[in-house]
Amino acid sequence: MTSGEEILRMEGITKEYQMGDEVSVVLKGIDLSVNRGEFLAVLGPSGSGKSTLMNIIGCLDVPTDGKYWLHGNLIADEDQTSLAHIRSAEIGFIFQSFYLLQRQDAWHNVELPLIYANMPERKRKERVEEMLIKVGLEDKMFHMPNQLSGGQQQRVAIARAIATNPTILLADEPTGALDQKTGAQVMDLFHSLNDEGRTIIMITHDSKIAAHAGRIVRILDGNISEGAIEDA
């Protein structure tokens, strides 16, 4: 779903890395806009530049050139404190490898970003419970990660990502470590979140996973284009 309000815009984004005497150009003048409520897939093979683009969208890296606005604010003008706030409050990260704290149960993994956000304890408890119920883990709240399946761990990671009610969910190969059936269940959850109005940007190499999105951009050799997937 989309509401038409633009929340993210990139113009002429390039990214270069110095590799000894050589310069590697990973992104080559990317133009991209995303509206509130979109479910966007960025589809590309390994080495296409999609992970670099994700890192720039997530304010984990900065472009060599070009401009990036989030909510109309030019990211290049933000200081490190502001960028840290954007990463914690505006963007919910979901990774292929889950990145759960192995010595903490599901509850405390989801609670962590709320502690960083200085949410009062009573409200934190209500929010954690609400998020774990939303992802279907009401009976696994106090299970450790090694007591959960891969799909359940990814659901904990999704609950953690949405706990602070971020503007954008940024998912990097969210089904890459899952079998086909479990991956389909996670995509059903993404559809449910998108139906609630959440904006999702999903990075993937899998055309069948990308086909779940409402809009697809392809990235290849640092360039992006839009169009239907012929081989989905």
C-alpha atoms as a PDB file:
ATOM      1  CA  MET A   1       0.000   0.000   0.000  1.00  0.00           C
ATOM      2  CA  THR A   2       1.110   3.606  -0.553  1.00  0.00           C
ATOM      3  CA  SER A   3      -0.178   6.957   0.603  1.00  0.00           C
ATOM      4  CA  GLY A   4       1.772   9.068  -1.859  1.00  0.00           C
ATOM      5  CA  GLU A   5       3.802  10.958   0.742  1.00  0.00           C
ATOM      6  CA  GLU A   6       7.488  10.801  -0.155  1.00  0.00           C
ATOM      7  CA  ILE A   7       9.636   9.902   2.851  1.00  0.00           C
ATOM      8  CA  LEU A   8      12.953   9.047   1.181  1.00  0.00           C
ATOM      9  CA  ARG A   9      14.726  10.538  -1.812  1.00  0.00           C
ATOM     10  CA  MET A  10      18.165   9.921  -3.297  1.00  0.00           C
ATOM     11  CA  GLU A  11      19.668  11.902  -6.160  1.00  0.00           C
ATOM     12  CA  GLY A  12      22.924  11.013  -7.916  1.00  0.00           C
ATOM     13  CA  ILE A  13      24.194   8.732  -5.147  1.00  0.00           C
ATOM     14  CA  THR A  14      27.630   7.345  -5.906  1.00  0.00           C
ATOM     15  CA  LYS A  15      29.945   5.257  -3.775  1.00  0.00           C
ATOM     16  CA  GLU A  16      33.619   4.681  -4.473  1.00  0.00           C
ATOM     17  CA  TYR A  17      36.229   2.665  -2.605  1.00  0.00           C
ATOM     18  CA  GLN A  18      39.967   3.013  -2.955  1.00  0.00           C
ATOM     19  CA  MET A  19      41.456  -0.426  -3.624  1.00  0.00           C
ATOM     20  CA  GLY A  20      45.230   0.136  -3.638  1.00  0.00           C
ATOM     21  CA  ASP A  21      45.920   2.150  -6.770  1.00  0.00           C
ATOM     22  CA  GLU A  22      42.489   1.371  -8.181  1.00  0.00           C
ATOM     23  CA  VAL A  23      39.136   3.044  -7.509  1.00  0.00           C
ATOM     24  CA  SER A  24      36.139   0.720  -7.331  1.00  0.00           C
ATOM     25  CA  VAL A  25      32.856   2.448  -8.191  1.00  0.00           C
ATOM     26  CA  VAL A  26      30.099   0.482  -6.463  1.00  0.00           C
ATOM     27  CA  LEU A  27      27.136   2.844  -6.954  1.00  0.00           C
ATOM     28  CA  LYS A  28      26.867   4.970 -10.101  1.00  0.00           C
ATOM     29  CA  GLY A  29      24.490   7.869  -9.706  1.00  0.00           C
ATOM     30  CA  ILE A  30      21.505   6.219  -8.003  1.00  0.00           C
ATOM     31  CA  ASP A  31      18.183   8.074  -8.109  1.00  0.00           C
ATOM     32  CA  LEU A  32      15.505   6.595  -5.862  1.00  0.00           C
ATOM     33  CA  SER A  33      12.378   7.763  -4.058  1.00  0.00           C
ATOM     34  CA  VAL A  34      10.158   5.840  -1.655  1.00  0.00           C
ATOM     35  CA  ASN A  35       6.686   6.796  -0.481  1.00  0.00           C
ATOM     36  CA  ARG A  36       5.158   6.119   2.911  1.00  0.00           C
ATOM     37  CA  GLY A  37       3.484   2.720   3.003  1.00  0.00           C
ATOM     38  CA  GLU A  38       5.381   1.253   0.055  1.00  0.00           C
ATOM     39  CA  PHE A  39       6.711  -2.293  -0.012  1.00  0.00           C
ATOM     40  CA  LEU A  40       9.813  -1.952  -2.187  1.00  0.00           C
ATOM     41  CA  ALA A  41      12.181  -4.733  -3.210  1.00  0.00           C
ATOM     42  CA  VAL A  42      15.726  -3.948  -4.358  1.00  0.00           C
ATOM     43  CA  LEU A  43      16.652  -6.968  -6.454  1.00  0.00           C
ATOM     44  CA  GLY A  44      20.170  -7.793  -7.567  1.00  0.00           C
ATOM     45  CA  PRO A  45      22.868 -10.467  -7.593  1.00  0.00           C
ATOM     46  CA  SER A  46      25.885 -10.602  -5.314  1.00  0.00           C
ATOM     47  CA  GLY A  47      28.257  -7.747  -6.090  1.00  0.00           C
ATOM     48  CA  SER A  48      25.573  -5.568  -7.679  1.00  0.00           C
ATOM     49  CA  GLY A  49      25.831  -2.832  -5.046  1.00  0.00           C
ATOM     50  CA  LYS A  50      22.603  -3.611  -3.208  1.00  0.00           C
ATOM     51  CA  SER A  51      24.247  -4.048   0.213  1.00  0.00           C
ATOM     52  CA  THR A  52      26.117  -0.765  -0.205  1.00  0.00           C
ATOM     53  CA  LEU A  53      22.849   0.940  -1.123  1.00  0.00           C
ATOM     54  CA  MET A  54      21.184  -0.604   1.939  1.00  0.00           C
ATOM     55  CA  ASN A  55      23.956   0.687   4.201  1.00  0.00           C
ATOM     56  CA  ILE A  56      23.512   4.210   2.849  1.00  0.00           C
ATOM     57  CA  ILE A  57      19.710   4.054   3.215  1.00  0.00           C
ATOM     58  CA  GLY A  58      20.222   2.857   6.801  1.00  0.00           C
ATOM     59  CA  CYS A  59      22.730   5.656   7.558  1.00  0.00           C
ATOM     60  CA  LEU A  60      25.395   3.032   8.252  1.00  0.00           C
ATOM     61  CA  ASP A  61      27.568   4.453   5.459  1.00  0.00           C
ATOM     62  CA  VAL A  62      27.832   7.729   3.566  1.00  0.00           C
ATOM     63  CA  PRO A  63      27.909   8.255  -0.203  1.00  0.00           C
ATOM     64  CA  THR A  64      30.930   9.592  -2.026  1.00  0.00           C
ATOM     65  CA  ASP A  65      28.665  11.998  -3.884  1.00  0.00           C
ATOM     66  CA  GLY A  66      24.973  12.734  -4.275  1.00  0.00           C
ATOM     67  CA  LYS A  67      22.198  13.724  -1.892  1.00  0.00           C
ATOM     68  CA  TYR A  68      19.949  11.712   0.418  1.00  0.00           C
ATOM     69  CA  TRP A  69      16.877  13.140   2.145  1.00  0.00           C
ATOM     70  CA  LEU A  70      14.851  11.353   4.822  1.00  0.00           C
ATOM     71  CA  HIS A  71      11.616  13.076   5.849  1.00  0.00           C
ATOM     72  CA  GLY A  72      12.841  16.082   3.882  1.00  0.00           C
ATOM     73  CA  ASN A  73      16.017  16.368   5.951  1.00  0.00           C
ATOM     74  CA  LEU A  74      19.333  16.211   4.110  1.00  0.00           C
ATOM     75  CA  ILE A  75      21.269  13.393   5.774  1.00  0.00           C
ATOM     76  CA  ALA A  76      24.632  14.999   5.015  1.00  0.00           C
ATOM     77  CA  ASP A  77      23.662  17.868   7.332  1.00  0.00           C
ATOM     78  CA  GLU A  78      23.052  15.567  10.318  1.00  0.00           C
ATOM     79  CA  ASP A  79      25.668  15.127  13.042  1.00  0.00           C
ATOM     80  CA  GLN A  80      26.620  11.776  14.585  1.00  0.00           C
ATOM     81  CA  THR A  81      24.117  12.151  17.430  1.00  0.00           C
ATOM     82  CA  SER A  82      21.298  12.783  14.981  1.00  0.00           C
ATOM     83  CA  LEU A  83      22.382   9.865  12.798  1.00  0.00           C
ATOM     84  CA  ALA A  84      22.395   7.557  15.813  1.00  0.00           C
ATOM     85  CA  HIS A  85      18.842   8.690  16.606  1.00  0.00           C
ATOM     86  CA  ILE A  86      17.764   8.045  13.001  1.00  0.00           C
ATOM     87  CA  ARG A  87      19.227   4.529  13.110  1.00  0.00           C
ATOM     88  CA  SER A  88      17.503   3.720  16.394  1.00  0.00           C
ATOM     89  CA  ALA A  89      14.152   5.448  15.927  1.00  0.00           C
ATOM     90  CA  GLU A  90      13.517   5.940  12.209  1.00  0.00           C
ATOM     91  CA  ILE A  91      14.844   2.687  10.717  1.00  0.00           C
ATOM     92  CA  GLY A  92      14.141  -0.860  11.858  1.00  0.00           C
ATOM     93  CA  PHE A  93      16.851  -3.255  10.674  1.00  0.00           C
ATOM     94  CA  ILE A  94      16.136  -6.909   9.840  1.00  0.00           C
ATOM     95  CA  PHE A  95      19.089  -9.059   8.799  1.00  0.00           C
ATOM     96  CA  GLN A  96      19.533 -12.496   7.261  1.00  0.00           C
ATOM     97  CA  SER A  97      21.560 -13.674  10.278  1.00  0.00           C
ATOM     98  CA  PHE A  98      19.018 -12.358  12.848  1.00  0.00           C
ATOM     99  CA  TYR A  99      21.758 -10.900  15.138  1.00  0.00           C
ATOM    100  CA  LEU A 100      19.965 -11.849  18.335  1.00  0.00           C
ATOM    101  CA  LEU A 101      21.771 -11.681  21.679  1.00  0.00           C
ATOM    102  CA  GLN A 102      22.379 -15.357  22.345  1.00  0.00           C
ATOM    103  CA  ARG A 103      22.408 -15.000  26.138  1.00  0.00           C
ATOM    104  CA  GLN A 104      19.108 -13.133  26.223  1.00  0.00           C
ATOM    105  CA  ASP A 105      15.621 -14.573  25.711  1.00  0.00           C
ATOM    106  CA  ALA A 106      13.189 -13.340  23.066  1.00  0.00           C
ATOM    107  CA  TRP A 107      11.612 -10.862  25.492  1.00  0.00           C
ATOM    108  CA  HIS A 108      14.876  -9.126  26.349  1.00  0.00           C
ATOM    109  CA  ASN A 109      16.046  -9.073  22.724  1.00  0.00           C
ATOM    110  CA  VAL A 110      12.902  -7.151  21.780  1.00  0.00           C
ATOM    111  CA  GLU A 111      13.154  -4.908  24.850  1.00  0.00           C
ATOM    112  CA  LEU A 112      16.699  -3.739  24.095  1.00  0.00           C
ATOM    113  CA  PRO A 113      15.935  -0.942  21.568  1.00  0.00           C
ATOM    114  CA  LEU A 114      13.202   0.334  23.895  1.00  0.00           C
ATOM    115  CA  ILE A 115      15.738   0.645  26.717  1.00  0.00           C
ATOM    116  CA  TYR A 116      18.004   2.638  24.389  1.00  0.00           C
ATOM    117  CA  ALA A 117      14.987   4.808  23.542  1.00  0.00           C
ATOM    118  CA  ASN A 118      14.488   5.511  27.282  1.00  0.00           C
ATOM    119  CA  MET A 119      10.947   4.145  27.253  1.00  0.00           C
ATOM    120  CA  PRO A 120       9.537   3.798  30.811  1.00  0.00           C
ATOM    121  CA  GLU A 121       9.587   0.244  32.171  1.00  0.00           C
ATOM    122  CA  ARG A 122       5.812  -0.236  32.352  1.00  0.00           C
ATOM    123  CA  LYS A 123       5.328   0.948  28.791  1.00  0.00           C
ATOM    124  CA  ARG A 124       8.275  -1.236  27.672  1.00  0.00           C
ATOM    125  CA  LYS A 125       6.638  -4.348  29.100  1.00  0.00           C
ATOM    126  CA  GLU A 126       3.377  -3.589  27.314  1.00  0.00           C
ATOM    127  CA  ARG A 127       5.173  -2.887  24.047  1.00  0.00           C
ATOM    128  CA  VAL A 128       7.352  -6.027  24.132  1.00  0.00           C
ATOM    129  CA  GLU A 129       4.354  -8.238  24.816  1.00  0.00           C
ATOM    130  CA  GLU A 130       2.370  -6.539  22.047  1.00  0.00           C
ATOM    131  CA  MET A 131       5.180  -7.014  19.506  1.00  0.00           C
ATOM    132  CA  LEU A 132       5.791 -10.680  20.331  1.00  0.00           C
ATOM    133  CA  ILE A 133       2.080 -11.416  20.091  1.00  0.00           C
ATOM    134  CA  LYS A 134       1.968  -9.589  16.746  1.00  0.00           C
ATOM    135  CA  VAL A 135       4.629 -11.903  15.284  1.00  0.00           C
ATOM    136  CA  GLY A 136       2.974 -15.013  16.720  1.00  0.00           C
ATOM    137  CA  LEU A 137       5.425 -15.779  19.530  1.00  0.00           C
ATOM    138  CA  GLU A 138       3.188 -15.322  22.565  1.00  0.00           C
ATOM    139  CA  ASP A 139       4.166 -18.819  23.751  1.00  0.00           C
ATOM    140  CA  LYS A 140       7.916 -18.310  23.126  1.00  0.00           C
ATOM    141  CA  MET A 141       8.519 -15.007  24.904  1.00  0.00           C
ATOM    142  CA  PHE A 142      11.048 -16.382  27.366  1.00  0.00           C
ATOM    143  CA  HIS A 143      12.768 -18.880  25.088  1.00  0.00           C
ATOM    144  CA  MET A 144      16.459 -18.416  24.349  1.00  0.00           C
ATOM    145  CA  PRO A 145      17.523 -18.100  20.686  1.00  0.00           C
ATOM    146  CA  ASN A 146      18.963 -21.642  20.683  1.00  0.00           C
ATOM    147  CA  GLN A 147      15.512 -22.908  21.686  1.00  0.00           C
ATOM    148  CA  LEU A 148      13.892 -21.284  18.651  1.00  0.00           C
ATOM    149  CA  SER A 149      13.756 -22.333  15.004  1.00  0.00           C
ATOM    150  CA  GLY A 150      15.239 -20.114  12.315  1.00  0.00           C
ATOM    151  CA  GLY A 151      11.820 -18.752  11.432  1.00  0.00           C
ATOM    152  CA  GLN A 152      11.046 -18.016  15.069  1.00  0.00           C
ATOM    153  CA  GLN A 153      14.371 -16.224  15.486  1.00  0.00           C
ATOM    154  CA  GLN A 154      13.586 -14.084  12.444  1.00  0.00           C
ATOM    155  CA  ARG A 155      10.201 -13.261  13.982  1.00  0.00           C
ATOM    156  CA  VAL A 156      11.960 -12.103  17.154  1.00  0.00           C
ATOM    157  CA  ALA A 157      14.220  -9.957  14.969  1.00  0.00           C
ATOM    158  CA  ILE A 158      11.157  -8.473  13.232  1.00  0.00           C
ATOM    159  CA  ALA A 159       9.470  -7.788  16.584  1.00  0.00           C
ATOM    160  CA  ARG A 160      12.632  -6.032  17.736  1.00  0.00           C
ATOM    161  CA  ALA A 161      12.779  -3.996  14.512  1.00  0.00           C
ATOM    162  CA  ILE A 162       9.189  -2.733  14.788  1.00  0.00           C
ATOM    163  CA  ALA A 163       9.228  -2.159  18.561  1.00  0.00           C
ATOM    164  CA  THR A 164      10.189   1.516  18.261  1.00  0.00           C
ATOM    165  CA  ASN A 165       7.611   2.061  15.494  1.00  0.00           C
ATOM    166  CA  PRO A 166      10.211   3.112  12.904  1.00  0.00           C
ATOM    167  CA  THR A 167       9.411   4.982   9.703  1.00  0.00           C
ATOM    168  CA  ILE A 168      11.096   2.338   7.532  1.00  0.00           C
ATOM    169  CA  LEU A 169      11.705  -1.390   7.918  1.00  0.00           C
ATOM    170  CA  LEU A 170      14.967  -2.167   6.131  1.00  0.00           C
ATOM    171  CA  ALA A 171      15.295  -5.903   5.514  1.00  0.00           C
ATOM    172  CA  ASP A 172      18.497  -7.444   4.155  1.00  0.00           C
ATOM    173  CA  GLU A 173      17.847 -10.916   2.645  1.00  0.00           C
ATOM    174  CA  PRO A 174      15.282 -11.604   5.398  1.00  0.00           C
ATOM    175  CA  THR A 175      14.531 -15.142   4.161  1.00  0.00           C
ATOM    176  CA  GLY A 176      18.071 -16.034   3.107  1.00  0.00           C
ATOM    177  CA  ALA A 177      18.715 -18.330   6.081  1.00  0.00           C
ATOM    178  CA  LEU A 178      15.271 -19.954   6.011  1.00  0.00           C
ATOM    179  CA  ASP A 179      13.720 -22.869   4.147  1.00  0.00           C
ATOM    180  CA  GLN A 180      11.076 -22.117   1.536  1.00  0.00           C
ATOM    181  CA  LYS A 181       8.042 -22.766   3.754  1.00  0.00           C
ATOM    182  CA  THR A 182       9.383 -20.712   6.660  1.00  0.00           C
ATOM    183  CA  GLY A 183      10.440 -17.960   4.278  1.00  0.00           C
ATOM    184  CA  ALA A 184       6.887 -17.801   2.931  1.00  0.00           C
ATOM    185  CA  GLN A 185       5.576 -17.419   6.482  1.00  0.00           C
ATOM    186  CA  VAL A 186       7.949 -14.510   7.101  1.00  0.00           C
ATOM    187  CA  MET A 187       6.814 -12.879   3.857  1.00  0.00           C
ATOM    188  CA  ASP A 188       3.187 -13.266   5.006  1.00  0.00           C
ATOM    189  CA  LEU A 189       4.173 -11.353   8.134  1.00  0.00           C
ATOM    190  CA  PHE A 190       5.765  -8.625   5.995  1.00  0.00           C
ATOM    191  CA  HIS A 191       2.519  -8.323   4.009  1.00  0.00           C
ATOM    192  CA  SER A 192       0.591  -7.977   7.256  1.00  0.00           C
ATOM    193  CA  LEU A 193       2.947  -5.236   8.466  1.00  0.00           C
ATOM    194  CA  ASN A 194       2.705  -3.444   5.131  1.00  0.00           C
ATOM    195  CA  ASP A 195      -1.098  -3.655   5.250  1.00  0.00           C
ATOM    196  CA  GLU A 196      -0.859  -1.780   8.579  1.00  0.00           C
ATOM    197  CA  GLY A 197       0.881   1.038   6.703  1.00  0.00           C
ATOM    198  CA  ARG A 198       4.508   0.225   7.467  1.00  0.00           C
ATOM    199  CA  THR A 199       7.064   1.140   4.810  1.00  0.00           C
ATOM    200  CA  ILE A 200       9.309  -1.794   3.884  1.00  0.00           C
ATOM    201  CA  ILE A 201      12.491  -1.767   1.817  1.00  0.00           C
ATOM    202  CA  MET A 202      13.709  -5.307   1.197  1.00  0.00           C
ATOM    203  CA  ILE A 203      17.108  -6.181  -0.269  1.00  0.00           C
ATOM    204  CA  THR A 204      17.186  -9.549  -2.022  1.00  0.00           C
ATOM    205  CA  HIS A 205      18.842 -11.602  -4.763  1.00  0.00           C
ATOM    206  CA  ASP A 206      15.773 -13.869  -5.108  1.00  0.00           C
ATOM    207  CA  SER A 207      13.245 -12.852  -7.773  1.00  0.00           C
ATOM    208  CA  LYS A 208      10.529 -14.996  -6.176  1.00  0.00           C
ATOM    209  CA  ILE A 209      10.949 -13.161  -2.866  1.00  0.00           C
ATOM    210  CA  ALA A 210      11.090  -9.793  -4.640  1.00  0.00           C
ATOM    211  CA  ALA A 211       7.787 -10.610  -6.352  1.00  0.00           C
ATOM    212  CA  HIS A 212       6.057 -10.256  -2.959  1.00  0.00           C
ATOM    213  CA  ALA A 213       6.762  -6.518  -2.994  1.00  0.00           C
ATOM    214  CA  GLY A 214       4.439  -3.944  -4.467  1.00  0.00           C
ATOM    215  CA  ARG A 215       7.294  -2.337  -6.401  1.00  0.00           C
ATOM    216  CA  ILE A 216      10.649  -3.653  -7.579  1.00  0.00           C
ATOM    217  CA  VAL A 217      13.843  -1.913  -8.583  1.00  0.00           C
ATOM    218  CA  ARG A 218      16.679  -3.923 -10.078  1.00  0.00           C
ATOM    219  CA  ILE A 219      20.276  -3.122  -9.281  1.00  0.00           C
ATOM    220  CA  LEU A 220      23.146  -4.335 -11.462  1.00  0.00           C
ATOM    221  CA  ASP A 221      26.723  -3.055 -11.587  1.00  0.00           C
ATOM    222  CA  GLY A 222      25.787  -0.080  -9.435  1.00  0.00           C
ATOM    223  CA  ASN A 223      22.894   1.090 -11.616  1.00  0.00           C
ATOM    224  CA  ILE A 224      19.169   0.719 -10.892  1.00  0.00           C
ATOM    225  CA  SER A 225      16.181   0.316 -13.147  1.00  0.00           C
ATOM    226  CA  GLU A 226      12.496  -0.458 -12.623  1.00  0.00           C
ATOM    227  CA  GLY A 227      10.365  -3.072 -14.292  1.00  0.00           C
ATOM    228  CA  ALA A 228       8.460  -6.299 -13.974  1.00  0.00           C
ATOM    229  CA  ILE A 229      10.206  -9.560 -13.155  1.00  0.00           C
ATOM    230  CA  GLU A 230      10.038 -11.856 -16.153  1.00  0.00           C
ATOM    231  CA  ASP A 231      11.512 -14.910 -14.443  1.00  0.00           C
ATOM    232  CA  ALA A 232       9.565 -14.799 -11.158  1.00  0.00           C
END
